[in-house]
């Protein structure tokens, strides 16, 4: 009976262990996929919040009146903020100008810039010179001869592009963000088109995240997955240890009850067998133990057992 009980208990534990292993494998796979997806989403959210937009540009339309000026609004409303306060920016003006004799005769000219907030207060002020690139008469003639066919067909124009760097390493203010720019030219330069460009000057982690996106993303995701796996394994180990402890306590209690019941049953059977097979002094089975048991069962607890047993024993000896 004891071996049968142990066999049943072992089979139950084996089935339970197999089921537990399958559940663990399924949960481990689901947890790994969830961790990888969450790490990827976490990096995407962090990139969106930490890395600002690289370029902000707006067209510039000069007004040729007494002065050549232009006012540019970067934001649709005065309460809108488009620059990051923790990022350095550079501001430049791109001019697409014809290579005309008038522009060449103007020589150097100044470009003035004022970055203003929503109340039209000047936040940053800058003034930089510029000039068309010099070309000798011989170079201009040779260039014109080489490009004569495309020029005659209207495929290209005689123009050049000027990039004037106006501000470097400028930071936006939190309480007075930049919303507009005022630009002025000291001379009436002929311009085909113009635009102002605000470019973020990335450095440190932002530089790597923007210009080396794939390696940085892989490193970040791997580190995030590793940390989450470590935390998951620690939490799983704690929960598994607690569950195993509860199972061990329950299994021990069941084994103790089974072994105790089997031991008591075996002791009773052994006692009955020994009492029935024990020989007496004259070669017959001795029933004194059974008689004593019957006497103990029939005699109440209040009757003194030793006196009755002594009298019964003396009567038996006299009969002998």
Protein backbone atom coordinates (compact mmCIF):
# COMPACT_ATOMS: atom_id res chain seq x y z
CA UNK A 1 0.00 0.00 0.00
CA UNK A 2 2.86 2.37 0.84
CA UNK A 3 4.60 1.68 -2.50
CA UNK A 4 1.35 2.22 -4.39
CA UNK A 5 0.80 5.54 -2.68
CA UNK A 6 4.36 6.65 -3.45
CA UNK A 7 3.97 5.61 -7.10
CA UNK A 8 0.79 7.65 -7.46
CA UNK A 9 2.44 10.64 -5.83
CA UNK A 10 5.49 10.37 -8.12
CA UNK A 11 3.32 10.16 -11.25
CA UNK A 12 1.31 13.17 -10.16
CA UNK A 13 4.45 15.19 -9.52
CA UNK A 14 5.96 14.13 -12.89
CA UNK A 15 2.86 15.22 -14.80
CA UNK A 16 2.79 18.44 -12.85
CA UNK A 17 6.48 19.04 -13.60
CA UNK A 18 5.97 18.47 -17.33
CA UNK A 19 3.04 20.83 -17.43
CA UNK A 20 5.03 23.38 -15.45
CA UNK A 21 7.94 23.10 -17.93
CA UNK A 22 5.64 23.69 -20.90
CA UNK A 23 4.03 26.67 -19.19
CA UNK A 24 7.46 28.07 -18.34
CA UNK A 25 8.63 27.76 -21.94
CA UNK A 26 5.52 29.47 -23.25
CA UNK A 27 5.73 32.27 -20.70
CA UNK A 28 9.46 32.74 -21.33
CA UNK A 29 8.88 33.11 -25.10
CA UNK A 30 6.02 35.53 -24.62
CA UNK A 31 8.04 37.53 -22.11
CA UNK A 32 11.04 37.72 -24.48
CA UNK A 33 8.93 38.94 -27.41
CA UNK A 34 7.17 41.47 -25.18
CA UNK A 35 10.48 42.75 -23.83
CA UNK A 36 11.95 43.20 -27.33
CA UNK A 37 8.86 45.03 -28.59
CA UNK A 38 8.67 47.23 -25.50
CA UNK A 39 12.38 48.08 -25.77
CA UNK A 40 11.95 49.05 -29.43
CA UNK A 41 8.93 51.22 -28.63
CA UNK A 42 10.79 52.75 -25.70
CA UNK A 43 13.70 53.73 -27.94
CA UNK A 44 11.31 55.23 -30.49
CA UNK A 45 9.59 57.33 -27.85
CA UNK A 46 12.94 58.39 -26.37
CA UNK A 47 14.27 59.34 -29.83
CA UNK A 48 11.16 61.38 -30.56
CA UNK A 49 11.39 63.27 -27.28
CA UNK A 50 15.17 63.67 -27.03
CA UNK A 51 16.28 64.38 -30.61
CA UNK A 52 14.75 67.60 -32.00
CA UNK A 53 14.11 68.36 -35.62
CA UNK A 54 17.30 68.98 -37.57
CA UNK A 55 16.18 71.75 -39.96
CA UNK A 56 13.68 74.56 -39.82
CA UNK A 57 13.40 76.66 -42.95
CA UNK A 58 11.11 79.42 -44.17
CA UNK A 59 11.02 81.46 -47.39
CA UNK A 60 12.19 85.08 -47.29
CA UNK A 61 10.49 87.75 -49.36
CA UNK A 62 12.44 91.00 -49.47
CA UNK A 63 10.68 94.33 -49.74
CA UNK A 64 12.59 96.72 -52.06
CA UNK A 65 11.62 100.09 -50.69
CA UNK A 66 13.90 102.48 -48.86
CA UNK A 67 15.68 99.44 -47.40
CA UNK A 68 15.81 95.84 -48.51
CA UNK A 69 14.12 94.09 -45.57
CA UNK A 70 11.97 91.03 -44.85
CA UNK A 71 9.98 89.75 -41.87
CA UNK A 72 9.67 85.99 -41.43
CA UNK A 73 7.22 84.27 -39.07
CA UNK A 74 8.30 80.78 -38.09
CA UNK A 75 5.19 79.73 -36.17
CA UNK A 76 1.50 80.00 -37.02
CA UNK A 77 0.58 81.45 -33.62
CA UNK A 78 2.38 83.50 -30.99
CA UNK A 79 2.08 80.78 -28.33
CA UNK A 80 3.74 78.07 -30.42
CA UNK A 81 7.30 76.96 -29.61
CA UNK A 82 9.34 75.15 -32.26
CA UNK A 83 12.95 75.21 -30.94
CA UNK A 84 14.43 73.16 -28.10
CA UNK A 85 15.89 75.10 -25.21
CA UNK A 86 18.59 72.47 -24.59
CA UNK A 87 19.88 72.40 -28.17
CA UNK A 88 22.33 74.71 -29.93
CA UNK A 89 21.30 76.08 -33.32
CA UNK A 90 22.89 77.89 -36.22
CA UNK A 91 21.05 80.36 -38.44
CA UNK A 92 21.98 80.99 -42.05
CA UNK A 93 20.52 82.82 -45.05
CA UNK A 94 20.56 81.22 -48.50
CA UNK A 95 20.46 83.67 -51.40
CA UNK A 96 19.92 82.59 -54.98
CA UNK A 97 21.21 85.59 -56.95
CA UNK A 98 21.97 86.20 -60.62
CA UNK A 99 25.56 86.73 -61.70
CA UNK A 100 24.69 90.06 -63.21
CA UNK A 101 26.94 93.04 -63.62
CA UNK A 102 24.86 94.99 -61.11
CA UNK A 103 25.41 92.46 -58.35
CA UNK A 104 29.11 92.28 -59.16
CA UNK A 105 29.39 96.04 -59.04
CA UNK A 106 27.73 96.16 -55.61
CA UNK A 107 30.66 94.40 -54.04
CA UNK A 108 30.37 93.52 -50.37
CA UNK A 109 27.07 94.00 -48.56
CA UNK A 110 25.87 93.39 -45.00
CA UNK A 111 23.15 91.01 -43.89
CA UNK A 112 21.49 91.93 -40.58
CA UNK A 113 19.43 89.47 -38.56
CA UNK A 114 17.16 89.92 -35.55
CA UNK A 115 15.49 86.94 -33.88
CA UNK A 116 12.39 88.09 -32.07
CA UNK A 117 9.92 86.61 -29.62
CA UNK A 118 6.13 86.82 -29.74
CA UNK A 119 6.24 90.36 -28.26
CA UNK A 120 8.64 91.54 -31.02
CA UNK A 121 11.49 91.82 -28.53
CA UNK A 122 14.94 91.14 -29.97
CA UNK A 123 16.40 87.94 -28.54
CA UNK A 124 19.48 87.53 -30.77
CA UNK A 125 21.15 90.04 -33.05
CA UNK A 126 23.73 89.40 -35.74
CA UNK A 127 25.32 91.12 -38.76
CA UNK A 128 27.56 89.38 -41.32
CA UNK A 129 29.13 90.47 -44.64
CA UNK A 130 28.78 88.69 -47.97
CA UNK A 131 29.90 89.09 -51.58
CA UNK A 132 29.53 87.30 -54.87
CA UNK A 133 32.45 85.02 -55.74
CA UNK A 134 35.01 86.71 -57.93
CA UNK A 135 35.50 85.64 -61.54
CA UNK A 136 37.87 87.24 -64.00
CA UNK A 137 36.71 88.30 -67.45
CA UNK A 138 38.58 85.43 -69.10
CA UNK A 139 36.98 82.80 -66.81
CA UNK A 140 33.54 84.26 -67.32
CA UNK A 141 33.99 84.20 -71.11
CA UNK A 142 35.21 80.58 -71.13
CA UNK A 143 32.40 79.49 -68.80
CA UNK A 144 29.84 81.19 -71.00
CA UNK A 145 31.23 79.50 -74.12
CA UNK A 146 31.12 76.07 -72.49
CA UNK A 147 27.54 76.54 -71.31
CA UNK A 148 26.38 78.39 -74.41
CA UNK A 149 24.13 75.59 -75.70
CA UNK A 150 22.27 74.92 -72.41
CA UNK A 151 22.00 78.67 -71.85
CA UNK A 152 20.59 79.18 -75.33
CA UNK A 153 18.07 76.39 -74.80
CA UNK A 154 17.02 77.76 -71.39
CA UNK A 155 18.07 74.64 -69.51
CA UNK A 156 20.29 76.55 -67.06
CA UNK A 157 20.56 80.12 -65.78
CA UNK A 158 23.44 82.38 -64.92
CA UNK A 159 23.02 82.34 -61.19
CA UNK A 160 24.95 81.52 -58.05
CA UNK A 161 24.06 80.57 -54.55
CA UNK A 162 25.25 82.49 -51.50
CA UNK A 163 25.08 80.95 -48.03
CA UNK A 164 25.58 83.54 -45.29
CA UNK A 165 26.17 82.08 -41.82
CA UNK A 166 24.58 84.56 -39.43
CA UNK A 167 24.46 82.95 -35.97
CA UNK A 168 26.31 80.02 -34.37
CA UNK A 169 25.54 78.14 -31.14
CA UNK A 170 22.40 80.03 -30.26
CA UNK A 171 20.03 78.64 -27.63
CA UNK A 172 16.35 79.35 -27.43
CA UNK A 173 14.94 80.80 -24.21
CA UNK A 174 12.22 79.02 -22.29
CA UNK A 175 10.14 82.07 -21.38
CA UNK A 176 10.92 84.05 -24.56
CA UNK A 177 10.98 81.58 -27.44
CA UNK A 178 11.89 82.71 -30.93
CA UNK A 179 8.86 83.11 -33.18
CA UNK A 180 10.02 85.43 -35.98
CA UNK A 181 13.07 86.88 -37.71
CA UNK A 182 13.77 90.26 -39.25
CA UNK A 183 16.34 90.35 -42.10
CA UNK A 184 17.84 93.38 -43.84
CA UNK A 185 20.34 93.82 -46.68
CA UNK A 186 22.57 96.90 -46.69
CA UNK A 187 22.43 97.12 -50.51
CA UNK A 188 19.67 96.32 -52.99
CA UNK A 189 21.01 93.00 -54.14
CA UNK A 190 19.12 91.34 -56.96
CA UNK A 191 17.70 88.07 -55.61
CA UNK A 192 15.87 85.25 -57.35
CA UNK A 193 14.85 83.52 -54.11
CA UNK A 194 15.91 83.43 -50.49
CA UNK A 195 15.23 81.32 -47.43
CA UNK A 196 16.34 81.31 -43.82
CA UNK A 197 17.53 78.02 -42.34
CA UNK A 198 17.79 77.16 -38.66
CA UNK A 199 19.91 74.03 -38.23
CA UNK A 200 20.42 72.05 -35.03
CA UNK A 201 24.06 71.47 -34.14
CA UNK A 202 23.95 68.01 -32.61
CA UNK A 203 26.65 66.86 -30.25
CA UNK A 204 27.16 64.00 -27.85
CA UNK A 205 24.38 61.41 -27.66
CA UNK A 206 22.11 63.33 -30.02
CA UNK A 207 24.82 63.31 -32.68
CA UNK A 208 25.14 59.51 -32.50
CA UNK A 209 21.38 58.98 -32.37
CA UNK A 210 20.81 61.09 -35.49
CA UNK A 211 23.80 60.40 -37.73
CA UNK A 212 24.35 56.76 -36.60
CA UNK A 213 20.77 55.72 -36.09
CA UNK A 214 20.96 51.95 -36.65
CA UNK A 215 24.02 51.19 -34.45
CA UNK A 216 22.76 53.46 -31.69
CA UNK A 217 19.30 51.92 -31.82
CA UNK A 218 20.73 48.38 -31.67
CA UNK A 219 22.93 49.22 -28.68
CA UNK A 220 20.07 50.91 -26.84
CA UNK A 221 17.62 48.07 -27.53
CA UNK A 222 20.15 45.40 -26.48
CA UNK A 223 20.89 47.21 -23.22
CA UNK A 224 17.20 47.73 -22.52
CA UNK A 225 16.42 44.07 -23.27
CA UNK A 226 19.26 42.91 -21.03
CA UNK A 227 18.05 45.02 -18.11
CA UNK A 228 14.46 43.91 -18.52
CA UNK A 229 15.52 40.25 -18.79
CA UNK A 230 17.53 40.54 -15.60
CA UNK A 231 14.60 42.08 -13.76
CA UNK A 232 12.24 39.46 -15.20
CA UNK A 233 14.51 36.57 -14.17
CA UNK A 234 14.86 37.96 -10.66
CA UNK A 235 11.11 38.41 -10.30
CA UNK A 236 10.48 34.94 -11.78
CA UNK A 237 12.98 33.34 -9.39
CA UNK A 238 11.35 34.96 -6.38
CA UNK A 239 7.86 33.86 -7.43
CA UNK A 240 9.07 30.35 -8.31
CA UNK A 241 10.85 29.97 -4.97
CA UNK A 242 7.69 31.02 -3.15
CA UNK A 243 5.56 28.61 -5.21
CA UNK A 244 8.01 25.70 -4.69
CA UNK A 245 8.06 26.36 -0.98
CA UNK A 246 4.27 26.13 -0.81
CA UNK A 247 4.27 22.92 -2.90
CA UNK A 248 6.94 21.34 -0.71
CA UNK A 249 4.94 22.10 2.43
CA UNK A 250 1.78 20.60 0.94
CA UNK A 251 3.60 17.53 -0.42
CA UNK A 252 5.32 16.94 2.92
CA UNK A 253 2.02 17.09 4.75
CA UNK A 254 0.45 14.57 2.36
CA UNK A 255 3.41 12.17 2.63
CA UNK A 256 3.36 12.42 6.41
CA UNK A 257 -0.34 11.52 6.54
CA UNK A 258 0.09 8.59 4.16
CA UNK A 259 3.16 7.20 5.90
CA UNK A 260 1.55 7.64 9.31
CA UNK A 261 -1.60 5.78 8.30
CA UNK A 262 0.39 2.95 6.71
CA UNK A 263 2.64 2.67 9.76
CA UNK A 264 -0.30 2.49 12.16
CA UNK A 265 -2.01 -0.16 9.99
CA UNK A 266 1.16 -2.27 9.84
CA UNK A 267 1.67 -1.97 13.59
CA UNK A 268 -1.87 -3.15 14.30
CA UNK A 269 -1.54 -6.11 11.93
CA UNK A 270 1.82 -7.07 13.40
CA UNK A 271 0.50 -6.83 16.93
CA UNK A 272 -2.46 -9.08 16.16
CA UNK A 273 -0.24 -11.60 14.40
CA UNK A 274 2.28 -11.76 17.23
CA UNK A 275 -0.40 -12.03 19.89
CA UNK A 276 -2.19 -14.88 18.08
CA UNK A 277 0.96 -16.91 17.38
CA UNK A 278 2.77 -16.53 20.73
CA UNK A 279 3.02 -20.07 22.47
CA UNK A 280 2.18 -20.64 26.12
CA UNK A 281 4.06 -22.60 28.70
CA UNK A 282 2.20 -25.87 27.81
CA UNK A 283 2.55 -25.54 24.02
CA UNK A 284 -0.85 -23.90 23.39
CA UNK A 285 -1.50 -20.36 22.30
CA UNK A 286 -1.51 -17.96 25.11
CA UNK A 287 -4.68 -15.88 25.24
CA UNK A 288 -3.75 -14.00 28.34
CA UNK A 289 -3.10 -10.83 26.35
CA UNK A 290 -6.50 -11.02 24.73
CA UNK A 291 -8.14 -11.78 28.05
CA UNK A 292 -6.34 -8.88 29.65
CA UNK A 293 -7.51 -6.69 26.77
CA UNK A 294 -11.07 -7.81 27.30
CA UNK A 295 -10.75 -7.17 31.01
CA UNK A 296 -9.37 -3.70 30.33
CA UNK A 297 -12.26 -2.99 27.94
CA UNK A 298 -15.02 -4.31 30.29
CA UNK A 299 -13.71 -2.95 33.53
CA UNK A 300 -14.60 0.72 33.99
CA UNK A 301 -11.94 3.27 34.73
CA UNK A 302 -13.36 3.82 38.25
CA UNK A 303 -12.93 0.09 39.31
CA UNK A 304 -9.43 -0.68 40.56
CA UNK A 305 -7.99 -3.07 37.98
CA UNK A 306 -5.04 -4.51 39.99
CA UNK A 307 -7.22 -6.15 42.74
CA UNK A 308 -9.47 -8.05 40.29
CA UNK A 309 -6.52 -9.17 38.24
CA UNK A 310 -4.70 -10.42 41.36
CA UNK A 311 -7.72 -12.46 42.49
CA UNK A 312 -8.19 -13.95 39.03
CA UNK A 313 -4.53 -14.92 38.85
CA UNK A 314 -4.59 -16.68 42.27
CA UNK A 315 -7.69 -18.68 41.23
CA UNK A 316 -5.95 -19.82 38.08
CA UNK A 317 -2.90 -20.97 40.00
CA UNK A 318 -5.00 -22.99 42.50
CA UNK A 319 -6.78 -24.74 39.63
CA UNK A 320 -3.46 -25.72 38.19
